[in-house]
Amino acid sequence: MKVGIETICYREERFIERCINQFKGFPVHHLVLVSDTPWHGEKEAIDKTVDIAESLGAEVVVSDWLSEPEQRNFGLQQLKDCDWVLVVDADEFYSKEDIDKWLKFLEHAPYDAYGIGRIKTYWKDENHIIDPEESGGLIVAVRPKAVQFTDKRCITGDWDFLPEDIVMNHYSYVRTDGEMKRKLASFEHADEIMDGWYEEKWKGWDKDNNLEDLHPVNPKSFRGTKYVG
């Protein structure tokens, strides 16, 4: 079974090394697609994402894409000779045990695409997680010749969930204030952010003031946080 990994990035030097290294020792080809220009907002100078990814042996393509699905579909085209493509953003992590389960499951998987059922979303640091867990459904594995992305992590065709004991550790919200402000301005949901979210929820949260309804687009999908450190 030939497996590729597709990681899309814009200024992800904080996480890209960890993202690539989590698959060290597995027989996979890692493709990193680095946006030269963000989907929204003003272009900034490129950071060290490319240098780090190339130094770790990943294949890197730097270009401009108008949308998230366009970028993801470009990656599928580049990896079309693979039996499966794992869709792993730079801030998404799995244990070695779960990656091994994942690859073994795909050897006999009947569907053309699979989503992740369990997501542990970390908030601000590695000591706090969203509680209860974020609901699953992000597409994380596809047969590249059978599937296309239509909107963010949504696809054409039917799909099923990976086994529920495989868990994504999501670090999208483990960022400094400056990093979060940049992310809000540039990512695909930039035009959907709740008014005042950055000041009221992001800056207003601290360890002694556990606010509720924290998600920047769908508030109630992040009901609150729990200390796990």
C-alpha atoms as a PDB file:
ATOM      1  CA  MET A   1       0.000   0.000   0.000  1.00  0.00           C
ATOM      2  CA  LYS A   2       1.432   3.338  -1.097  1.00  0.00           C
ATOM      3  CA  VAL A   3       0.602   6.196   1.278  1.00  0.00           C
ATOM      4  CA  GLY A   4       1.125   9.931   0.859  1.00  0.00           C
ATOM      5  CA  ILE A   5       0.585  12.708   3.364  1.00  0.00           C
ATOM      6  CA  GLU A   6      -0.733  16.127   2.380  1.00  0.00           C
ATOM      7  CA  THR A   7      -0.031  19.061   4.690  1.00  0.00           C
ATOM      8  CA  ILE A   8      -1.109  22.581   3.753  1.00  0.00           C
ATOM      9  CA  CYS A   9       0.614  25.516   5.442  1.00  0.00           C
ATOM     10  CA  TYR A  10       0.848  29.243   5.772  1.00  0.00           C
ATOM     11  CA  ARG A  11       3.532  30.390   8.224  1.00  0.00           C
ATOM     12  CA  GLU A  12       3.588  27.195  10.314  1.00  0.00           C
ATOM     13  CA  GLU A  13       7.207  27.135  11.468  1.00  0.00           C
ATOM     14  CA  ARG A  14       5.989  26.521  15.037  1.00  0.00           C
ATOM     15  CA  PHE A  15       4.479  23.125  14.210  1.00  0.00           C
ATOM     16  CA  ILE A  16       5.836  21.812  10.903  1.00  0.00           C
ATOM     17  CA  GLU A  17       8.783  19.889  12.383  1.00  0.00           C
ATOM     18  CA  ARG A  18       6.562  18.051  14.838  1.00  0.00           C
ATOM     19  CA  CYS A  19       4.003  17.375  12.114  1.00  0.00           C
ATOM     20  CA  ILE A  20       6.533  15.726   9.810  1.00  0.00           C
ATOM     21  CA  ASN A  21       8.419  13.871  12.550  1.00  0.00           C
ATOM     22  CA  GLN A  22       5.301  12.162  13.879  1.00  0.00           C
ATOM     23  CA  PHE A  23       5.420   9.946  10.754  1.00  0.00           C
ATOM     24  CA  LYS A  24       9.131   9.162  11.075  1.00  0.00           C
ATOM     25  CA  GLY A  25       9.666   5.436  10.650  1.00  0.00           C
ATOM     26  CA  PHE A  26       6.486   4.889   8.635  1.00  0.00           C
ATOM     27  CA  PRO A  27       6.646   4.176   4.854  1.00  0.00           C
ATOM     28  CA  VAL A  28       4.980   7.387   3.684  1.00  0.00           C
ATOM     29  CA  HIS A  29       5.742  10.247   1.311  1.00  0.00           C
ATOM     30  CA  HIS A  30       5.105  13.658   2.881  1.00  0.00           C
ATOM     31  CA  LEU A  31       4.029  16.528   0.609  1.00  0.00           C
ATOM     32  CA  VAL A  32       3.948  19.999   2.183  1.00  0.00           C
ATOM     33  CA  LEU A  33       2.087  22.713   0.268  1.00  0.00           C
ATOM     34  CA  VAL A  34       3.178  26.132   1.493  1.00  0.00           C
ATOM     35  CA  SER A  35       1.035  29.111   0.546  1.00  0.00           C
ATOM     36  CA  ASP A  36       3.031  32.109  -0.610  1.00  0.00           C
ATOM     37  CA  THR A  37      -0.085  34.258  -0.214  1.00  0.00           C
ATOM     38  CA  PRO A  38      -2.806  33.701   2.429  1.00  0.00           C
ATOM     39  CA  TRP A  39      -6.399  32.896   1.452  1.00  0.00           C
ATOM     40  CA  HIS A  40      -7.433  36.136   3.204  1.00  0.00           C
ATOM     41  CA  GLY A  41      -5.633  39.258   4.373  1.00  0.00           C
ATOM     42  CA  GLU A  42      -2.316  40.765   3.368  1.00  0.00           C
ATOM     43  CA  LYS A  43       0.732  38.806   2.339  1.00  0.00           C
ATOM     44  CA  GLU A  44       3.586  38.594   4.848  1.00  0.00           C
ATOM     45  CA  ALA A  45       7.213  37.586   4.450  1.00  0.00           C
ATOM     46  CA  ILE A  46       7.621  33.815   4.245  1.00  0.00           C
ATOM     47  CA  ASP A  47       8.864  32.221   7.475  1.00  0.00           C
ATOM     48  CA  LYS A  48      11.030  29.116   8.056  1.00  0.00           C
ATOM     49  CA  THR A  49       8.339  26.561   7.214  1.00  0.00           C
ATOM     50  CA  VAL A  50       9.900  25.671   3.840  1.00  0.00           C
ATOM     51  CA  ASP A  51      13.451  25.358   5.189  1.00  0.00           C
ATOM     52  CA  ILE A  52      12.370  23.153   8.078  1.00  0.00           C
ATOM     53  CA  ALA A  53      10.197  20.882   5.937  1.00  0.00           C
ATOM     54  CA  GLU A  54      12.882  20.394   3.291  1.00  0.00           C
ATOM     55  CA  SER A  55      15.541  19.701   5.918  1.00  0.00           C
ATOM     56  CA  LEU A  56      13.359  16.843   7.208  1.00  0.00           C
ATOM     57  CA  GLY A  57      13.042  15.256   3.772  1.00  0.00           C
ATOM     58  CA  ALA A  58       9.536  16.360   2.846  1.00  0.00           C
ATOM     59  CA  GLU A  59       8.620  17.339  -0.700  1.00  0.00           C
ATOM     60  CA  VAL A  60       7.693  21.035  -0.650  1.00  0.00           C
ATOM     61  CA  VAL A  61       5.697  23.068  -3.162  1.00  0.00           C
ATOM     62  CA  VAL A  62       5.339  26.827  -2.687  1.00  0.00           C
ATOM     63  CA  SER A  63       2.569  28.511  -4.646  1.00  0.00           C
ATOM     64  CA  ASP A  64      -0.604  30.599  -4.478  1.00  0.00           C
ATOM     65  CA  TRP A  65      -4.014  28.965  -4.107  1.00  0.00           C
ATOM     66  CA  LEU A  66      -7.296  30.855  -4.057  1.00  0.00           C
ATOM     67  CA  SER A  67      -9.021  28.600  -1.538  1.00  0.00           C
ATOM     68  CA  GLU A  68      -8.526  25.688   0.825  1.00  0.00           C
ATOM     69  CA  PRO A  69     -10.216  23.085  -1.430  1.00  0.00           C
ATOM     70  CA  GLU A  70      -8.161  24.252  -4.415  1.00  0.00           C
ATOM     71  CA  GLN A  71      -4.965  23.750  -2.419  1.00  0.00           C
ATOM     72  CA  ARG A  72      -6.026  20.353  -1.089  1.00  0.00           C
ATOM     73  CA  ASN A  73      -7.088  19.128  -4.546  1.00  0.00           C
ATOM     74  CA  PHE A  74      -3.755  20.247  -5.987  1.00  0.00           C
ATOM     75  CA  GLY A  75      -2.076  18.010  -3.407  1.00  0.00           C
ATOM     76  CA  LEU A  76      -4.282  15.058  -4.323  1.00  0.00           C
ATOM     77  CA  GLN A  77      -3.283  15.481  -7.956  1.00  0.00           C
ATOM     78  CA  GLN A  78       0.406  15.429  -7.009  1.00  0.00           C
ATOM     79  CA  LEU A  79      -0.166  12.257  -4.971  1.00  0.00           C
ATOM     80  CA  LYS A  80      -2.495  10.530  -7.431  1.00  0.00           C
ATOM     81  CA  ASP A  81      -0.273   7.445  -7.633  1.00  0.00           C
ATOM     82  CA  CYS A  82      -0.821   6.750  -3.924  1.00  0.00           C
ATOM     83  CA  ASP A  83      -3.441   4.301  -2.725  1.00  0.00           C
ATOM     84  CA  TRP A  84      -4.278   6.635   0.158  1.00  0.00           C
ATOM     85  CA  VAL A  85      -3.531  10.239   1.064  1.00  0.00           C
ATOM     86  CA  LEU A  86      -3.571  11.202   4.729  1.00  0.00           C
ATOM     87  CA  VAL A  87      -4.766  14.780   5.192  1.00  0.00           C
ATOM     88  CA  VAL A  88      -2.785  16.174   8.112  1.00  0.00           C
ATOM     89  CA  ASP A  89      -2.521  19.893   8.736  1.00  0.00           C
ATOM     90  CA  ALA A  90       0.598  21.241  10.426  1.00  0.00           C
ATOM     91  CA  ASP A  91      -1.103  21.528  13.822  1.00  0.00           C
ATOM     92  CA  GLU A  92      -2.652  18.023  13.855  1.00  0.00           C
ATOM     93  CA  PHE A  93      -0.883  15.243  15.742  1.00  0.00           C
ATOM     94  CA  TYR A  94      -1.353  11.536  16.431  1.00  0.00           C
ATOM     95  CA  SER A  95       0.438   9.033  18.618  1.00  0.00           C
ATOM     96  CA  LYS A  96       2.699   6.476  16.926  1.00  0.00           C
ATOM     97  CA  GLU A  97       0.304   3.762  18.078  1.00  0.00           C
ATOM     98  CA  ASP A  98      -2.652   5.501  16.434  1.00  0.00           C
ATOM     99  CA  ILE A  99      -0.771   6.062  13.166  1.00  0.00           C
ATOM    100  CA  ASP A 100       0.046   2.356  13.090  1.00  0.00           C
ATOM    101  CA  LYS A 101      -3.639   1.466  13.695  1.00  0.00           C
ATOM    102  CA  TRP A 102      -4.667   3.980  11.033  1.00  0.00           C
ATOM    103  CA  LEU A 103      -2.403   2.527   8.333  1.00  0.00           C
ATOM    104  CA  LYS A 104      -3.387  -1.054   9.131  1.00  0.00           C
ATOM    105  CA  PHE A 105      -7.076  -0.118   9.000  1.00  0.00           C
ATOM    106  CA  LEU A 106      -6.714   1.467   5.539  1.00  0.00           C
ATOM    107  CA  GLU A 107      -5.260  -1.743   4.083  1.00  0.00           C
ATOM    108  CA  HIS A 108      -8.771  -3.209   4.026  1.00  0.00           C
ATOM    109  CA  ALA A 109     -10.979  -0.098   4.266  1.00  0.00           C
ATOM    110  CA  PRO A 110     -14.065  -0.235   1.991  1.00  0.00           C
ATOM    111  CA  TYR A 111     -14.858   3.489   1.668  1.00  0.00           C
ATOM    112  CA  ASP A 112     -12.961   6.045  -0.451  1.00  0.00           C
ATOM    113  CA  ALA A 113     -12.645   8.526   2.415  1.00  0.00           C
ATOM    114  CA  TYR A 114     -12.577   8.610   6.202  1.00  0.00           C
ATOM    115  CA  GLY A 115     -13.090  11.263   8.834  1.00  0.00           C
ATOM    116  CA  ILE A 116     -11.717  11.455  12.344  1.00  0.00           C
ATOM    117  CA  GLY A 117     -14.280  10.719  15.045  1.00  0.00           C
ATOM    118  CA  ARG A 118     -12.415  11.981  18.092  1.00  0.00           C
ATOM    119  CA  ILE A 119     -10.563  15.294  18.336  1.00  0.00           C
ATOM    120  CA  LYS A 120      -8.781  16.552  21.427  1.00  0.00           C
ATOM    121  CA  THR A 121      -8.466  20.297  20.876  1.00  0.00           C
ATOM    122  CA  TYR A 122      -5.859  22.055  22.997  1.00  0.00           C
ATOM    123  CA  TRP A 123      -6.490  25.613  24.123  1.00  0.00           C
ATOM    124  CA  LYS A 124      -3.692  28.177  24.592  1.00  0.00           C
ATOM    125  CA  ASP A 125      -1.205  25.534  25.843  1.00  0.00           C
ATOM    126  CA  GLU A 126      -0.755  21.782  26.254  1.00  0.00           C
ATOM    127  CA  ASN A 127      -2.327  21.862  29.725  1.00  0.00           C
ATOM    128  CA  HIS A 128      -5.880  22.771  28.669  1.00  0.00           C
ATOM    129  CA  ILE A 129      -8.275  21.053  26.278  1.00  0.00           C
ATOM    130  CA  ILE A 130     -11.747  21.830  25.010  1.00  0.00           C
ATOM    131  CA  ASP A 131     -14.302  20.009  27.166  1.00  0.00           C
ATOM    132  CA  PRO A 132     -16.403  18.224  26.071  1.00  0.00           C
ATOM    133  CA  GLU A 133     -14.363  17.109  23.076  1.00  0.00           C
ATOM    134  CA  GLU A 134     -14.824  18.786  19.712  1.00  0.00           C
ATOM    135  CA  SER A 135     -17.178  16.758  17.540  1.00  0.00           C
ATOM    136  CA  GLY A 136     -15.423  14.817  14.792  1.00  0.00           C
ATOM    137  CA  GLY A 137     -15.954  14.727  11.069  1.00  0.00           C
ATOM    138  CA  LEU A 138     -12.849  16.298   9.523  1.00  0.00           C
ATOM    139  CA  ILE A 139     -11.789  14.235   6.510  1.00  0.00           C
ATOM    140  CA  VAL A 140      -8.333  12.790   7.175  1.00  0.00           C
ATOM    141  CA  ALA A 141      -7.850  10.003   4.616  1.00  0.00           C
ATOM    142  CA  VAL A 142      -8.883   9.769   0.953  1.00  0.00           C
ATOM    143  CA  ARG A 143      -8.256   7.740  -2.149  1.00  0.00           C
ATOM    144  CA  PRO A 144      -6.842  10.519  -4.378  1.00  0.00           C
ATOM    145  CA  LYS A 145      -8.291   9.240  -7.647  1.00  0.00           C
ATOM    146  CA  ALA A 146     -11.799   8.888  -6.218  1.00  0.00           C
ATOM    147  CA  VAL A 147     -12.283  12.022  -4.110  1.00  0.00           C
ATOM    148  CA  GLN A 148     -12.198  15.802  -4.465  1.00  0.00           C
ATOM    149  CA  PHE A 149     -12.511  18.464  -1.799  1.00  0.00           C
ATOM    150  CA  THR A 150     -15.448  20.804  -2.239  1.00  0.00           C
ATOM    151  CA  ASP A 151     -15.325  23.085   0.828  1.00  0.00           C
ATOM    152  CA  LYS A 152     -12.581  23.104   3.466  1.00  0.00           C
ATOM    153  CA  ARG A 153     -12.497  19.489   4.759  1.00  0.00           C
ATOM    154  CA  CYS A 154     -15.683  18.436   2.927  1.00  0.00           C
ATOM    155  CA  ILE A 155     -15.541  16.057  -0.047  1.00  0.00           C
ATOM    156  CA  THR A 156     -17.505  14.526  -2.882  1.00  0.00           C
ATOM    157  CA  GLY A 157     -18.836  11.050  -2.257  1.00  0.00           C
ATOM    158  CA  ASP A 158     -19.562   8.889   0.762  1.00  0.00           C
ATOM    159  CA  TRP A 159     -17.252   8.485   3.717  1.00  0.00           C
ATOM    160  CA  ASP A 160     -17.109   6.830   7.106  1.00  0.00           C
ATOM    161  CA  PHE A 161     -15.306   7.372  10.411  1.00  0.00           C
ATOM    162  CA  LEU A 162     -11.968   5.864  11.353  1.00  0.00           C
ATOM    163  CA  PRO A 163     -12.095   3.545  14.380  1.00  0.00           C
ATOM    164  CA  GLU A 164     -12.974   5.660  17.425  1.00  0.00           C
ATOM    165  CA  ASP A 165      -9.831   4.721  19.338  1.00  0.00           C
ATOM    166  CA  ILE A 166      -7.768   6.791  16.855  1.00  0.00           C
ATOM    167  CA  VAL A 167      -7.526  10.325  18.255  1.00  0.00           C
ATOM    168  CA  MET A 168      -6.404  13.584  16.666  1.00  0.00           C
ATOM    169  CA  ASN A 169      -4.604  16.033  18.950  1.00  0.00           C
ATOM    170  CA  HIS A 170      -5.481  19.418  17.510  1.00  0.00           C
ATOM    171  CA  TYR A 171      -3.114  22.320  18.297  1.00  0.00           C
ATOM    172  CA  SER A 172      -4.731  24.993  16.150  1.00  0.00           C
ATOM    173  CA  TYR A 173      -5.405  27.113  19.261  1.00  0.00           C
ATOM    174  CA  VAL A 174      -2.001  26.601  20.891  1.00  0.00           C
ATOM    175  CA  ARG A 175      -0.668  29.961  19.774  1.00  0.00           C
ATOM    176  CA  THR A 176       0.556  33.283  21.062  1.00  0.00           C
ATOM    177  CA  ASP A 177      -1.725  36.320  20.808  1.00  0.00           C
ATOM    178  CA  GLY A 178       0.155  37.498  17.742  1.00  0.00           C
ATOM    179  CA  GLU A 179      -0.017  34.098  16.053  1.00  0.00           C
ATOM    180  CA  MET A 180      -3.734  33.825  16.704  1.00  0.00           C
ATOM    181  CA  LYS A 181      -4.425  37.300  15.352  1.00  0.00           C
ATOM    182  CA  ARG A 182      -2.503  36.390  12.181  1.00  0.00           C
ATOM    183  CA  LYS A 183      -4.400  33.115  11.842  1.00  0.00           C
ATOM    184  CA  LEU A 184      -7.771  34.839  12.222  1.00  0.00           C
ATOM    185  CA  ALA A 185      -6.883  37.267   9.443  1.00  0.00           C
ATOM    186  CA  SER A 186      -5.584  34.700   6.973  1.00  0.00           C
ATOM    187  CA  PHE A 187      -7.338  31.346   7.251  1.00  0.00           C
ATOM    188  CA  GLU A 188     -10.341  30.087   5.296  1.00  0.00           C
ATOM    189  CA  HIS A 189     -12.860  31.059   7.994  1.00  0.00           C
ATOM    190  CA  ALA A 190     -11.602  34.652   8.238  1.00  0.00           C
ATOM    191  CA  ASP A 191     -14.856  36.125   6.960  1.00  0.00           C
ATOM    192  CA  GLU A 192     -16.935  34.026   9.393  1.00  0.00           C
ATOM    193  CA  ILE A 193     -15.304  35.044  12.707  1.00  0.00           C
ATOM    194  CA  MET A 194     -17.725  36.244  15.386  1.00  0.00           C
ATOM    195  CA  ASP A 195     -17.506  39.998  16.005  1.00  0.00           C
ATOM    196  CA  GLY A 196     -15.308  40.759  19.005  1.00  0.00           C
ATOM    197  CA  TRP A 197     -14.125  37.146  19.409  1.00  0.00           C
ATOM    198  CA  TYR A 198     -10.428  37.945  19.704  1.00  0.00           C
ATOM    199  CA  GLU A 199     -10.856  40.452  22.545  1.00  0.00           C
ATOM    200  CA  GLU A 200     -13.813  38.830  24.313  1.00  0.00           C
ATOM    201  CA  LYS A 201     -12.947  35.145  24.086  1.00  0.00           C
ATOM    202  CA  TRP A 202      -9.287  34.791  23.189  1.00  0.00           C
ATOM    203  CA  LYS A 203      -7.886  37.677  25.245  1.00  0.00           C
ATOM    204  CA  GLY A 204     -10.682  37.412  27.858  1.00  0.00           C
ATOM    205  CA  TRP A 205      -9.895  33.798  28.749  1.00  0.00           C
ATOM    206  CA  ASP A 206      -7.441  32.904  31.478  1.00  0.00           C
ATOM    207  CA  LYS A 207      -6.898  29.953  33.802  1.00  0.00           C
ATOM    208  CA  ASP A 208      -9.129  31.476  36.489  1.00  0.00           C
ATOM    209  CA  ASN A 209     -11.854  32.728  34.137  1.00  0.00           C
ATOM    210  CA  ASN A 210     -13.004  29.706  32.180  1.00  0.00           C
ATOM    211  CA  LEU A 211     -15.300  31.276  29.585  1.00  0.00           C
ATOM    212  CA  GLU A 212     -17.913  29.275  27.679  1.00  0.00           C
ATOM    213  CA  ASP A 213     -18.748  28.983  23.960  1.00  0.00           C
ATOM    214  CA  LEU A 214     -15.217  29.620  22.737  1.00  0.00           C
ATOM    215  CA  HIS A 215     -15.242  28.648  19.065  1.00  0.00           C
ATOM    216  CA  PRO A 216     -14.690  31.688  16.778  1.00  0.00           C
ATOM    217  CA  VAL A 217     -17.235  30.574  14.144  1.00  0.00           C
ATOM    218  CA  ASN A 218     -19.596  28.118  15.868  1.00  0.00           C
ATOM    219  CA  PRO A 219     -19.394  29.205  19.535  1.00  0.00           C
ATOM    220  CA  LYS A 220     -21.210  26.271  21.144  1.00  0.00           C
ATOM    221  CA  SER A 221     -18.958  23.680  19.515  1.00  0.00           C
ATOM    222  CA  PHE A 222     -16.327  24.710  22.110  1.00  0.00           C
ATOM    223  CA  ARG A 223     -18.366  24.735  25.317  1.00  0.00           C
ATOM    224  CA  GLY A 224     -15.470  25.236  27.728  1.00  0.00           C
ATOM    225  CA  THR A 225     -12.016  24.068  28.763  1.00  0.00           C
ATOM    226  CA  LYS A 226     -10.525  21.547  31.181  1.00  0.00           C
ATOM    227  CA  TYR A 227      -7.092  21.449  32.817  1.00  0.00           C
ATOM    228  CA  VAL A 228      -5.182  18.273  31.917  1.00  0.00           C
ATOM    229  CA  GLY A 229      -1.582  19.300  32.596  1.00  0.00           C
END
